[in-house]
């Protein structure tokens, strides 16, 4: 093999490296992602402010963020909860785009098919979780433009959590973020699907786990609606 071929092979191998080495404190830091956090998030907050409900600070180590999906920038709500790196699982069109794709590769986005049935993406995700890193996934598979509370979940999120025995951090975007209106972001307690661990599972079992997760997130949304309604009633009562 020539020196040129060896160099190309080495470059290709390096470009496919998805995991991030832990620093001396055991944290997995993506410097480029932190740069984007510092530059982009304050600007985003000015035009689309948001407020967290629940425990905003997520501890270091492996977890799977599961978010419902309205806009391309929804991942902001996950990356604002930690200074560790997060591997975002995004549709292949994102990583293949000219400019956005370069940014995505810079923060080690995991490229996946839209239907969620992608073995390569799952293997990359498992590598990261095994390395004690964080993953973010949008199980609806596409942005919610249907005007419903939440689209059906594609397979993937629960399977990763069960097979890797990793906690899920559910993040619910209460309503579609809009310009200069405060979005309510609900962060649930970590969920561990222990009832499915160390079992031989069928497709129906994974679907059941996905439905459980989706219903949990829908309940978070319903509870917040009641909270806002009660808050509105108290405000009216105080004025009378």
Protein backbone atom coordinates (compact mmCIF):
# COMPACT_ATOMS: atom_id res chain seq x y z
CA UNK A 1 0.00 0.00 0.00
CA UNK A 2 1.38 3.42 -1.01
CA UNK A 3 1.91 6.27 1.46
CA UNK A 4 -0.94 8.22 -0.21
CA UNK A 5 -3.38 5.32 0.26
CA UNK A 6 -2.29 4.91 3.89
CA UNK A 7 -2.86 8.61 4.53
CA UNK A 8 -6.33 8.45 2.95
CA UNK A 9 -7.22 5.36 5.01
CA UNK A 10 -5.99 7.03 8.19
CA UNK A 11 -8.01 10.17 7.41
CA UNK A 12 -11.16 8.13 6.70
CA UNK A 13 -10.75 6.17 9.93
CA UNK A 14 -10.26 9.37 11.90
CA UNK A 15 -13.32 11.02 10.36
CA UNK A 16 -15.47 8.06 11.41
CA UNK A 17 -14.40 8.28 15.05
CA UNK A 18 -17.67 9.08 16.80
CA UNK A 19 -16.78 8.80 20.48
CA UNK A 20 -15.11 11.50 22.58
CA UNK A 21 -12.25 10.76 24.93
CA UNK A 22 -12.92 11.66 28.58
CA UNK A 23 -10.81 14.41 30.13
CA UNK A 24 -8.95 14.11 33.44
CA UNK A 25 -12.17 14.74 35.34
CA UNK A 26 -13.94 11.96 33.45
CA UNK A 27 -16.11 14.37 31.43
CA UNK A 28 -16.67 14.08 27.70
CA UNK A 29 -16.24 17.57 26.33
CA UNK A 30 -16.80 18.69 22.73
CA UNK A 31 -14.94 21.98 22.39
CA UNK A 32 -16.70 22.92 19.17
CA UNK A 33 -20.11 22.24 20.72
CA UNK A 34 -19.18 24.44 23.70
CA UNK A 35 -18.14 27.19 21.28
CA UNK A 36 -21.55 26.96 19.59
CA UNK A 37 -23.26 26.95 23.00
CA UNK A 38 -21.56 30.23 23.97
CA UNK A 39 -22.16 31.90 20.59
CA UNK A 40 -25.55 30.63 19.49
CA UNK A 41 -27.68 29.95 22.58
CA UNK A 42 -27.70 33.55 23.94
CA UNK A 43 -28.77 34.83 20.50
CA UNK A 44 -31.42 32.12 20.19
CA UNK A 45 -32.72 32.98 23.66
CA UNK A 46 -33.18 36.63 22.62
CA UNK A 47 -35.39 35.77 19.65
CA UNK A 48 -37.04 32.64 21.06
CA UNK A 49 -36.88 32.83 24.87
CA UNK A 50 -37.52 29.68 26.89
CA UNK A 51 -38.02 28.66 30.48
CA UNK A 52 -37.32 25.32 32.08
CA UNK A 53 -39.67 23.48 34.41
CA UNK A 54 -38.04 20.62 36.30
CA UNK A 55 -34.40 19.87 37.02
CA UNK A 56 -32.46 21.74 34.34
CA UNK A 57 -29.03 20.49 35.40
CA UNK A 58 -28.37 16.97 34.09
CA UNK A 59 -25.52 15.13 35.78
CA UNK A 60 -22.43 13.96 33.92
CA UNK A 61 -22.35 10.53 32.35
CA UNK A 62 -24.40 8.48 29.93
CA UNK A 63 -28.06 9.31 29.32
CA UNK A 64 -30.48 9.46 26.42
CA UNK A 65 -32.34 12.71 25.93
CA UNK A 66 -35.73 12.11 24.32
CA UNK A 67 -37.47 15.20 22.93
CA UNK A 68 -40.61 15.90 20.97
CA UNK A 69 -39.91 17.87 17.82
CA UNK A 70 -41.16 21.16 16.35
CA UNK A 71 -38.15 22.96 14.81
CA UNK A 72 -34.61 22.25 13.65
CA UNK A 73 -33.26 24.09 16.71
CA UNK A 74 -35.09 22.01 19.35
CA UNK A 75 -31.82 20.38 20.36
CA UNK A 76 -30.92 23.70 22.08
CA UNK A 77 -33.11 22.62 25.01
CA UNK A 78 -30.99 19.51 25.59
CA UNK A 79 -27.56 21.08 25.08
CA UNK A 80 -28.41 23.84 27.57
CA UNK A 81 -28.64 21.31 30.43
CA UNK A 82 -24.97 20.27 30.45
CA UNK A 83 -21.46 21.26 29.39
CA UNK A 84 -20.73 17.70 28.30
CA UNK A 85 -20.96 16.76 24.66
CA UNK A 86 -24.20 15.34 23.28
CA UNK A 87 -24.38 13.15 20.19
CA UNK A 88 -27.54 14.22 18.38
CA UNK A 89 -29.21 11.59 16.22
CA UNK A 90 -30.37 13.46 13.12
CA UNK A 91 -31.78 12.51 9.74
CA UNK A 92 -29.23 11.92 7.00
CA UNK A 93 -30.35 15.02 5.08
CA UNK A 94 -28.88 17.16 7.90
CA UNK A 95 -25.42 15.61 7.80
CA UNK A 96 -25.41 15.64 3.98
CA UNK A 97 -26.28 19.35 3.72
CA UNK A 98 -23.36 21.59 2.57
CA UNK A 99 -23.07 24.04 5.51
CA UNK A 100 -25.28 22.47 8.17
CA UNK A 101 -23.64 19.13 7.48
CA UNK A 102 -20.20 20.51 8.28
CA UNK A 103 -21.47 21.88 11.60
CA UNK A 104 -23.20 18.56 12.33
CA UNK A 105 -20.04 16.58 11.69
CA UNK A 106 -18.13 19.04 13.86
CA UNK A 107 -20.30 18.15 16.87
CA UNK A 108 -20.29 14.43 16.02
CA UNK A 109 -23.94 14.12 15.04
CA UNK A 110 -25.03 10.53 14.42
CA UNK A 111 -26.59 10.26 10.98
CA UNK A 112 -29.71 8.08 10.68
CA UNK A 113 -32.49 7.17 8.29
CA UNK A 114 -35.73 9.06 8.86
CA UNK A 115 -37.68 5.88 9.74
CA UNK A 116 -35.34 5.17 12.67
CA UNK A 117 -34.45 1.73 11.28
CA UNK A 118 -30.70 2.26 10.87
CA UNK A 119 -28.25 -0.34 12.18
CA UNK A 120 -25.19 1.90 11.67
CA UNK A 121 -26.77 4.70 13.70
CA UNK A 122 -27.70 2.30 16.49
CA UNK A 123 -24.17 0.89 16.63
CA UNK A 124 -22.70 4.41 16.81
CA UNK A 125 -25.15 5.32 19.56
CA UNK A 126 -24.25 2.21 21.56
CA UNK A 127 -20.53 3.02 21.21
CA UNK A 128 -21.14 6.47 22.67
CA UNK A 129 -23.31 5.18 25.52
CA UNK A 130 -20.78 2.47 26.34
CA UNK A 131 -18.18 5.25 26.49
CA UNK A 132 -20.38 6.96 29.12
CA UNK A 133 -21.51 9.72 26.75
CA UNK A 134 -24.85 11.40 26.07
CA UNK A 135 -27.27 10.89 23.18
CA UNK A 136 -30.22 13.02 22.03
CA UNK A 137 -33.00 11.59 19.89
CA UNK A 138 -36.32 12.82 18.45
CA UNK A 139 -38.42 9.63 18.37
CA UNK A 140 -41.22 11.24 16.35
CA UNK A 141 -38.78 11.04 13.43
CA UNK A 142 -39.88 14.34 11.90
CA UNK A 143 -41.07 17.79 12.92
CA UNK A 144 -44.62 17.95 14.24
CA UNK A 145 -46.61 19.99 11.72
CA UNK A 146 -49.88 18.13 12.30
CA UNK A 147 -51.25 20.29 15.12
CA UNK A 148 -51.42 17.26 17.46
CA UNK A 149 -49.84 17.00 20.90
CA UNK A 150 -47.27 14.43 19.81
CA UNK A 151 -46.69 12.24 16.77
CA UNK A 152 -46.33 8.45 17.11
CA UNK A 153 -42.84 7.33 18.13
CA UNK A 154 -40.53 5.47 15.77
CA UNK A 155 -38.48 2.55 17.11
CA UNK A 156 -35.08 3.35 18.56
CA UNK A 157 -35.19 5.37 21.78
CA UNK A 158 -36.50 2.66 24.10
CA UNK A 159 -34.40 -0.04 22.41
CA UNK A 160 -31.20 1.94 23.01
CA UNK A 161 -32.13 2.62 26.63
CA UNK A 162 -33.02 -1.00 27.36
CA UNK A 163 -30.10 -2.66 25.62
CA UNK A 164 -27.55 -0.26 27.10
CA UNK A 165 -29.33 0.01 30.48
CA UNK A 166 -29.11 3.80 30.22
CA UNK A 167 -31.50 6.31 31.85
CA UNK A 168 -33.72 8.45 29.65
CA UNK A 169 -34.13 12.19 30.25
CA UNK A 170 -37.55 13.14 28.83
CA UNK A 171 -37.76 16.73 27.58
CA UNK A 172 -41.17 18.00 26.49
CA UNK A 173 -41.51 21.17 24.44
CA UNK A 174 -44.94 22.29 25.62
CA UNK A 175 -45.88 24.16 22.45
CA UNK A 176 -44.22 25.15 19.19
CA UNK A 177 -41.53 27.79 19.93
CA UNK A 178 -42.38 31.19 18.41
CA UNK A 179 -40.53 34.45 17.97
CA UNK A 180 -40.38 36.58 21.11
CA UNK A 181 -42.72 34.27 23.04
CA UNK A 182 -41.43 32.25 25.98
CA UNK A 183 -41.42 28.51 25.27
CA UNK A 184 -42.06 26.19 28.21
CA UNK A 185 -39.59 23.31 28.36
CA UNK A 186 -40.48 20.48 30.72
CA UNK A 187 -37.70 18.22 32.01
CA UNK A 188 -38.82 14.99 33.63
CA UNK A 189 -37.02 12.83 36.15
CA UNK A 190 -34.66 10.20 34.69
CA UNK A 191 -36.55 7.14 33.47
CA UNK A 192 -35.03 3.67 33.60
CA UNK A 193 -36.94 0.93 31.80
CA UNK A 194 -35.72 -1.71 34.24
CA UNK A 195 -38.81 -3.86 33.74
CA UNK A 196 -37.40 -4.72 30.29
CA UNK A 197 -33.79 -5.37 31.30
CA UNK A 198 -32.19 -8.82 30.84
CA UNK A 199 -35.15 -10.21 28.94
CA UNK A 200 -35.55 -11.61 25.46
CA UNK A 201 -37.77 -8.95 23.93
CA UNK A 202 -40.07 -8.98 20.91
CA UNK A 203 -40.98 -6.13 18.58
CA UNK A 204 -44.20 -5.82 20.56
CA UNK A 205 -42.22 -5.35 23.78
CA UNK A 206 -40.21 -2.51 22.24
CA UNK A 207 -43.41 -0.93 20.92
CA UNK A 208 -44.91 -1.19 24.39
CA UNK A 209 -41.83 0.54 25.85
CA UNK A 210 -42.05 3.31 23.21
CA UNK A 211 -45.76 3.79 24.00
CA UNK A 212 -44.98 3.96 27.71
CA UNK A 213 -42.39 6.68 27.09
CA UNK A 214 -44.69 8.62 24.78
CA UNK A 215 -47.58 8.46 27.26
CA UNK A 216 -45.28 9.62 30.06
CA UNK A 217 -44.32 12.67 27.99
CA UNK A 218 -47.95 13.35 27.06
CA UNK A 219 -48.82 13.23 30.77
CA UNK A 220 -46.07 15.76 31.49
CA UNK A 221 -47.67 18.02 28.91
CA UNK A 222 -51.18 17.51 30.34
CA UNK A 223 -49.99 18.22 33.90
CA UNK A 224 -48.32 21.43 32.76
CA UNK A 225 -51.54 22.51 31.06
CA UNK A 226 -53.40 22.09 34.37
CA UNK A 227 -50.63 24.01 36.16
CA UNK A 228 -50.93 26.92 33.72
CA UNK A 229 -54.73 26.96 33.96
CA UNK A 230 -54.60 27.05 37.78
CA UNK A 231 -52.00 29.80 37.66
CA UNK A 232 -54.25 31.81 35.35
CA UNK A 233 -57.24 31.35 37.68
CA UNK A 234 -55.22 32.51 40.69
CA UNK A 235 -54.08 35.59 38.76
CA UNK A 236 -57.68 36.47 37.87
CA UNK A 237 -58.84 35.89 41.43
CA UNK A 238 -56.15 38.20 42.81
CA UNK A 239 -57.32 41.01 40.53
CA UNK A 240 -60.95 40.75 41.68
